[in-house]
């Protein structure tokens, strides 16, 4: 069975550090933008206190063993760029999900997301020995769908009426996955993108 433990993952553009309460202020600097939270199941973040509550919720999930949240540090600036995490960790099935990902506006459509996904997928398949990594997004979030498809994930289908968001919207979630047999091809594609 896979053994998912906190780890620091460093690339040429980003460093993923296990999330702590100390990261709250940095996340608040880049994370108080409505568009970040529009499709997320947490509601809008209006101030530092909202971000702190959200961080504490993620840390509670980490303590339960279902999630492993990371803060994303942009290496060139040394600043917090956003966050991502392993979630729905299922050691008995050697699988997990990568999700809860968001970045401040200046880091979107840069190498940040590509390298974050590369580092997380490499760790999942090569160190945790996952046989499946899943990703999901709101069916309305076309930007996220395109980003997931660009990394090479396979669209599996839609989970209809999957969740009710804080604003009352009934969300349909689109599921994607990458299997261990597909990882070598996906890895090569991501490394080519990062080399550009």
C-alpha atoms as a PDB file:
ATOM      1  CA  UNK A   1       0.000   0.000   0.000  1.00  0.00           C
ATOM      2  CA  UNK A   2       1.119   3.541  -0.701  1.00  0.00           C
ATOM      3  CA  UNK A   3       2.402   5.647   2.181  1.00  0.00           C
ATOM      4  CA  UNK A   4       1.576   9.323   1.595  1.00  0.00           C
ATOM      5  CA  UNK A   5       3.614  11.529   3.926  1.00  0.00           C
ATOM      6  CA  UNK A   6       4.369  15.265   3.902  1.00  0.00           C
ATOM      7  CA  UNK A   7       7.179  16.096   1.515  1.00  0.00           C
ATOM      8  CA  UNK A   8       8.742  19.199  -0.067  1.00  0.00           C
ATOM      9  CA  UNK A   9       8.726  19.082  -3.879  1.00  0.00           C
ATOM     10  CA  UNK A  10      11.040  21.494  -5.689  1.00  0.00           C
ATOM     11  CA  UNK A  11      11.258  22.252  -9.388  1.00  0.00           C
ATOM     12  CA  UNK A  12      12.853  25.063 -11.362  1.00  0.00           C
ATOM     13  CA  UNK A  13       9.854  27.429 -11.027  1.00  0.00           C
ATOM     14  CA  UNK A  14       8.049  26.376  -7.842  1.00  0.00           C
ATOM     15  CA  UNK A  15       8.479  24.705  -4.481  1.00  0.00           C
ATOM     16  CA  UNK A  16       5.556  22.853  -2.927  1.00  0.00           C
ATOM     17  CA  UNK A  17       5.708  22.937   0.869  1.00  0.00           C
ATOM     18  CA  UNK A  18       3.282  21.212   3.234  1.00  0.00           C
ATOM     19  CA  UNK A  19       0.681  23.800   4.244  1.00  0.00           C
ATOM     20  CA  UNK A  20       0.886  25.287   7.748  1.00  0.00           C
ATOM     21  CA  UNK A  21      -0.942  28.098   9.522  1.00  0.00           C
ATOM     22  CA  UNK A  22       2.157  30.241   8.912  1.00  0.00           C
ATOM     23  CA  UNK A  23       1.227  30.374   5.211  1.00  0.00           C
ATOM     24  CA  UNK A  24      -2.118  32.066   5.887  1.00  0.00           C
ATOM     25  CA  UNK A  25      -0.915  35.653   5.396  1.00  0.00           C
ATOM     26  CA  UNK A  26       0.808  34.839   2.102  1.00  0.00           C
ATOM     27  CA  UNK A  27      -2.281  33.011   0.818  1.00  0.00           C
ATOM     28  CA  UNK A  28      -4.473  35.980   1.758  1.00  0.00           C
ATOM     29  CA  UNK A  29      -2.291  38.302  -0.339  1.00  0.00           C
ATOM     30  CA  UNK A  30      -3.071  36.344  -3.537  1.00  0.00           C
ATOM     31  CA  UNK A  31      -6.288  34.552  -2.613  1.00  0.00           C
ATOM     32  CA  UNK A  32      -8.954  37.176  -1.936  1.00  0.00           C
ATOM     33  CA  UNK A  33     -10.273  37.223  -5.479  1.00  0.00           C
ATOM     34  CA  UNK A  34     -13.844  36.050  -6.121  1.00  0.00           C
ATOM     35  CA  UNK A  35     -12.965  34.265  -9.375  1.00  0.00           C
ATOM     36  CA  UNK A  36     -10.700  31.849  -7.462  1.00  0.00           C
ATOM     37  CA  UNK A  37     -13.547  30.586  -5.288  1.00  0.00           C
ATOM     38  CA  UNK A  38     -16.459  30.773  -7.739  1.00  0.00           C
ATOM     39  CA  UNK A  39     -16.443  27.038  -8.521  1.00  0.00           C
ATOM     40  CA  UNK A  40     -15.007  25.790  -5.231  1.00  0.00           C
ATOM     41  CA  UNK A  41     -17.092  24.140  -2.497  1.00  0.00           C
ATOM     42  CA  UNK A  42     -15.829  26.525   0.218  1.00  0.00           C
ATOM     43  CA  UNK A  43     -17.616  29.783  -0.605  1.00  0.00           C
ATOM     44  CA  UNK A  44     -15.994  33.154  -1.225  1.00  0.00           C
ATOM     45  CA  UNK A  45     -13.000  34.249   0.838  1.00  0.00           C
ATOM     46  CA  UNK A  46     -13.450  37.887   1.870  1.00  0.00           C
ATOM     47  CA  UNK A  47     -10.656  38.462   4.386  1.00  0.00           C
ATOM     48  CA  UNK A  48      -7.717  36.971   6.270  1.00  0.00           C
ATOM     49  CA  UNK A  49     -10.065  35.312   8.783  1.00  0.00           C
ATOM     50  CA  UNK A  50     -11.855  33.431   5.993  1.00  0.00           C
ATOM     51  CA  UNK A  51      -8.507  32.215   4.635  1.00  0.00           C
ATOM     52  CA  UNK A  52      -7.422  31.165   8.141  1.00  0.00           C
ATOM     53  CA  UNK A  53     -10.619  29.129   8.642  1.00  0.00           C
ATOM     54  CA  UNK A  54     -10.126  27.501   5.236  1.00  0.00           C
ATOM     55  CA  UNK A  55      -6.472  26.663   6.050  1.00  0.00           C
ATOM     56  CA  UNK A  56      -7.532  25.137   9.373  1.00  0.00           C
ATOM     57  CA  UNK A  57     -10.152  23.011   7.582  1.00  0.00           C
ATOM     58  CA  UNK A  58      -7.465  21.679   5.227  1.00  0.00           C
ATOM     59  CA  UNK A  59      -5.155  20.979   8.167  1.00  0.00           C
ATOM     60  CA  UNK A  60      -7.985  19.051   9.868  1.00  0.00           C
ATOM     61  CA  UNK A  61      -8.355  16.923   6.716  1.00  0.00           C
ATOM     62  CA  UNK A  62      -4.587  16.369   6.713  1.00  0.00           C
ATOM     63  CA  UNK A  63      -4.724  15.196  10.337  1.00  0.00           C
ATOM     64  CA  UNK A  64      -7.433  12.705   9.331  1.00  0.00           C
ATOM     65  CA  UNK A  65      -5.174  11.350   6.561  1.00  0.00           C
ATOM     66  CA  UNK A  66      -7.521  12.131   3.670  1.00  0.00           C
ATOM     67  CA  UNK A  67      -5.617  15.162   2.326  1.00  0.00           C
ATOM     68  CA  UNK A  68      -2.069  16.438   2.002  1.00  0.00           C
ATOM     69  CA  UNK A  69      -2.232  20.192   1.262  1.00  0.00           C
ATOM     70  CA  UNK A  70       0.655  22.215  -0.164  1.00  0.00           C
ATOM     71  CA  UNK A  71       1.377  25.893  -0.496  1.00  0.00           C
ATOM     72  CA  UNK A  72       2.969  26.840  -3.827  1.00  0.00           C
ATOM     73  CA  UNK A  73       6.015  29.098  -3.562  1.00  0.00           C
ATOM     74  CA  UNK A  74       7.089  30.915  -6.745  1.00  0.00           C
ATOM     75  CA  UNK A  75      10.875  30.528  -6.662  1.00  0.00           C
ATOM     76  CA  UNK A  76      11.841  33.625  -8.683  1.00  0.00           C
ATOM     77  CA  UNK A  77       9.908  35.985  -6.390  1.00  0.00           C
ATOM     78  CA  UNK A  78       9.930  33.937  -3.184  1.00  0.00           C
ATOM     79  CA  UNK A  79       6.222  34.674  -2.788  1.00  0.00           C
ATOM     80  CA  UNK A  80       3.204  32.456  -2.233  1.00  0.00           C
ATOM     81  CA  UNK A  81       1.567  31.764  -5.622  1.00  0.00           C
ATOM     82  CA  UNK A  82      -1.362  29.630  -4.449  1.00  0.00           C
ATOM     83  CA  UNK A  83      -2.149  26.170  -3.199  1.00  0.00           C
ATOM     84  CA  UNK A  84      -2.837  22.600  -4.311  1.00  0.00           C
ATOM     85  CA  UNK A  85      -3.212  19.266  -2.595  1.00  0.00           C
ATOM     86  CA  UNK A  86      -3.524  15.534  -2.643  1.00  0.00           C
ATOM     87  CA  UNK A  87      -7.037  14.647  -1.560  1.00  0.00           C
ATOM     88  CA  UNK A  88      -9.265  11.590  -1.398  1.00  0.00           C
ATOM     89  CA  UNK A  89      -6.143   9.633  -0.521  1.00  0.00           C
ATOM     90  CA  UNK A  90      -7.032   5.927  -0.691  1.00  0.00           C
ATOM     91  CA  UNK A  91      -4.002   3.811   0.217  1.00  0.00           C
ATOM     92  CA  UNK A  92      -5.969   0.572  -0.057  1.00  0.00           C
ATOM     93  CA  UNK A  93      -6.552   1.351  -3.754  1.00  0.00           C
ATOM     94  CA  UNK A  94      -3.188   3.036  -4.477  1.00  0.00           C
ATOM     95  CA  UNK A  95      -4.997   6.111  -5.711  1.00  0.00           C
ATOM     96  CA  UNK A  96      -5.589   9.727  -4.875  1.00  0.00           C
ATOM     97  CA  UNK A  97      -6.850  12.977  -6.344  1.00  0.00           C
ATOM     98  CA  UNK A  98      -4.981  16.179  -7.133  1.00  0.00           C
ATOM     99  CA  UNK A  99      -7.257  19.128  -6.528  1.00  0.00           C
ATOM    100  CA  UNK A 100      -8.212  22.212  -4.581  1.00  0.00           C
ATOM    101  CA  UNK A 101      -5.753  24.022  -6.830  1.00  0.00           C
ATOM    102  CA  UNK A 102      -5.743  27.785  -7.280  1.00  0.00           C
ATOM    103  CA  UNK A 103      -3.207  30.487  -8.057  1.00  0.00           C
ATOM    104  CA  UNK A 104      -3.117  34.250  -7.789  1.00  0.00           C
ATOM    105  CA  UNK A 105      -3.836  36.079 -11.054  1.00  0.00           C
ATOM    106  CA  UNK A 106      -0.198  36.808 -11.930  1.00  0.00           C
ATOM    107  CA  UNK A 107       0.730  33.099 -11.787  1.00  0.00           C
ATOM    108  CA  UNK A 108      -2.030  31.782 -14.036  1.00  0.00           C
ATOM    109  CA  UNK A 109      -1.137  30.666 -17.566  1.00  0.00           C
ATOM    110  CA  UNK A 110       2.538  30.451 -16.577  1.00  0.00           C
ATOM    111  CA  UNK A 111       4.821  27.492 -15.918  1.00  0.00           C
ATOM    112  CA  UNK A 112       3.543  27.394 -12.319  1.00  0.00           C
ATOM    113  CA  UNK A 113       0.577  25.048 -12.880  1.00  0.00           C
ATOM    114  CA  UNK A 114       2.432  22.844 -15.345  1.00  0.00           C
ATOM    115  CA  UNK A 115       5.304  22.312 -12.935  1.00  0.00           C
ATOM    116  CA  UNK A 116       3.029  21.824  -9.912  1.00  0.00           C
ATOM    117  CA  UNK A 117       1.146  19.075 -11.723  1.00  0.00           C
ATOM    118  CA  UNK A 118       4.414  17.535 -12.932  1.00  0.00           C
ATOM    119  CA  UNK A 119       5.883  17.440  -9.411  1.00  0.00           C
ATOM    120  CA  UNK A 120       2.686  16.073  -7.852  1.00  0.00           C
ATOM    121  CA  UNK A 121       2.166  13.431 -10.534  1.00  0.00           C
ATOM    122  CA  UNK A 122       5.806  12.327 -10.447  1.00  0.00           C
ATOM    123  CA  UNK A 123       5.627  11.926  -6.671  1.00  0.00           C
ATOM    124  CA  UNK A 124       2.313  10.089  -6.895  1.00  0.00           C
ATOM    125  CA  UNK A 125       3.366   7.597  -9.554  1.00  0.00           C
ATOM    126  CA  UNK A 126       7.091   7.191  -8.868  1.00  0.00           C
ATOM    127  CA  UNK A 127       7.277   7.473  -5.071  1.00  0.00           C
ATOM    128  CA  UNK A 128       3.771   6.624  -3.807  1.00  0.00           C
ATOM    129  CA  UNK A 129       3.279   3.962  -6.524  1.00  0.00           C
ATOM    130  CA  UNK A 130      -0.222   5.126  -7.410  1.00  0.00           C
ATOM    131  CA  UNK A 131      -2.084   3.228 -10.081  1.00  0.00           C
ATOM    132  CA  UNK A 132      -4.564   6.084 -10.634  1.00  0.00           C
ATOM    133  CA  UNK A 133      -4.589   9.839 -10.065  1.00  0.00           C
ATOM    134  CA  UNK A 134      -7.879  11.629 -10.565  1.00  0.00           C
ATOM    135  CA  UNK A 135      -8.734  15.290 -11.056  1.00  0.00           C
ATOM    136  CA  UNK A 136     -12.150  16.930 -11.144  1.00  0.00           C
ATOM    137  CA  UNK A 137     -13.639  20.329 -11.867  1.00  0.00           C
ATOM    138  CA  UNK A 138     -16.959  22.134 -12.043  1.00  0.00           C
ATOM    139  CA  UNK A 139     -18.636  21.578 -15.409  1.00  0.00           C
ATOM    140  CA  UNK A 140     -18.881  25.381 -15.801  1.00  0.00           C
ATOM    141  CA  UNK A 141     -15.159  25.924 -15.260  1.00  0.00           C
ATOM    142  CA  UNK A 142     -13.855  25.721 -18.802  1.00  0.00           C
ATOM    143  CA  UNK A 143     -10.450  27.215 -17.916  1.00  0.00           C
ATOM    144  CA  UNK A 144      -9.836  24.411 -15.450  1.00  0.00           C
ATOM    145  CA  UNK A 145     -11.032  21.768 -17.917  1.00  0.00           C
ATOM    146  CA  UNK A 146      -8.605  23.010 -20.578  1.00  0.00           C
ATOM    147  CA  UNK A 147      -5.750  23.064 -18.061  1.00  0.00           C
ATOM    148  CA  UNK A 148      -6.450  19.472 -16.980  1.00  0.00           C
ATOM    149  CA  UNK A 149      -6.706  18.332 -20.590  1.00  0.00           C
ATOM    150  CA  UNK A 150      -3.420  20.098 -21.462  1.00  0.00           C
ATOM    151  CA  UNK A 151      -1.525  17.968 -18.960  1.00  0.00           C
ATOM    152  CA  UNK A 152      -2.802  14.803 -20.637  1.00  0.00           C
ATOM    153  CA  UNK A 153      -5.530  13.589 -18.292  1.00  0.00           C
ATOM    154  CA  UNK A 154      -8.323  11.493 -19.809  1.00  0.00           C
ATOM    155  CA  UNK A 155     -11.884  12.747 -19.410  1.00  0.00           C
ATOM    156  CA  UNK A 156     -13.980  10.016 -17.793  1.00  0.00           C
ATOM    157  CA  UNK A 157     -17.388  11.628 -17.468  1.00  0.00           C
ATOM    158  CA  UNK A 158     -19.669  13.840 -15.452  1.00  0.00           C
ATOM    159  CA  UNK A 159     -20.889  13.196 -11.931  1.00  0.00           C
ATOM    160  CA  UNK A 160     -24.260  14.938 -12.134  1.00  0.00           C
ATOM    161  CA  UNK A 161     -25.661  16.887  -9.173  1.00  0.00           C
ATOM    162  CA  UNK A 162     -22.420  16.086  -7.388  1.00  0.00           C
ATOM    163  CA  UNK A 163     -22.525  18.807  -4.743  1.00  0.00           C
ATOM    164  CA  UNK A 164     -24.397  21.889  -3.635  1.00  0.00           C
ATOM    165  CA  UNK A 165     -22.117  24.923  -3.456  1.00  0.00           C
ATOM    166  CA  UNK A 166     -22.452  27.573  -0.706  1.00  0.00           C
ATOM    167  CA  UNK A 167     -24.251  29.907  -3.156  1.00  0.00           C
ATOM    168  CA  UNK A 168     -26.892  27.186  -3.735  1.00  0.00           C
ATOM    169  CA  UNK A 169     -25.696  26.158  -7.198  1.00  0.00           C
ATOM    170  CA  UNK A 170     -25.951  22.414  -7.837  1.00  0.00           C
ATOM    171  CA  UNK A 171     -22.580  21.489  -9.286  1.00  0.00           C
ATOM    172  CA  UNK A 172     -21.924  18.820 -11.881  1.00  0.00           C
ATOM    173  CA  UNK A 173     -18.298  17.647 -11.629  1.00  0.00           C
ATOM    174  CA  UNK A 174     -16.243  16.493 -14.599  1.00  0.00           C
ATOM    175  CA  UNK A 175     -13.818  13.704 -13.686  1.00  0.00           C
ATOM    176  CA  UNK A 176     -10.459  13.053 -15.336  1.00  0.00           C
ATOM    177  CA  UNK A 177      -7.739  10.535 -14.582  1.00  0.00           C
ATOM    178  CA  UNK A 178      -4.215   9.466 -15.397  1.00  0.00           C
ATOM    179  CA  UNK A 179      -3.249   5.821 -14.928  1.00  0.00           C
ATOM    180  CA  UNK A 180       0.196   4.515 -14.056  1.00  0.00           C
ATOM    181  CA  UNK A 181       0.446   2.994 -17.545  1.00  0.00           C
ATOM    182  CA  UNK A 182      -0.156   6.458 -19.048  1.00  0.00           C
ATOM    183  CA  UNK A 183       2.299   8.288 -16.801  1.00  0.00           C
ATOM    184  CA  UNK A 184       5.432   7.830 -19.000  1.00  0.00           C
ATOM    185  CA  UNK A 185       3.700   9.543 -21.947  1.00  0.00           C
ATOM    186  CA  UNK A 186       2.206  12.303 -19.748  1.00  0.00           C
ATOM    187  CA  UNK A 187       5.577  12.811 -18.044  1.00  0.00           C
ATOM    188  CA  UNK A 188       7.335  13.252 -21.391  1.00  0.00           C
ATOM    189  CA  UNK A 189       4.727  15.796 -22.530  1.00  0.00           C
ATOM    190  CA  UNK A 190       5.022  17.791 -19.319  1.00  0.00           C
ATOM    191  CA  UNK A 191       8.825  17.781 -19.431  1.00  0.00           C
ATOM    192  CA  UNK A 192       8.684  19.077 -23.009  1.00  0.00           C
ATOM    193  CA  UNK A 193       6.340  21.898 -21.937  1.00  0.00           C
ATOM    194  CA  UNK A 194       8.593  22.823 -19.021  1.00  0.00           C
ATOM    195  CA  UNK A 195      11.666  22.915 -21.298  1.00  0.00           C
ATOM    196  CA  UNK A 196      10.128  25.611 -23.557  1.00  0.00           C
END
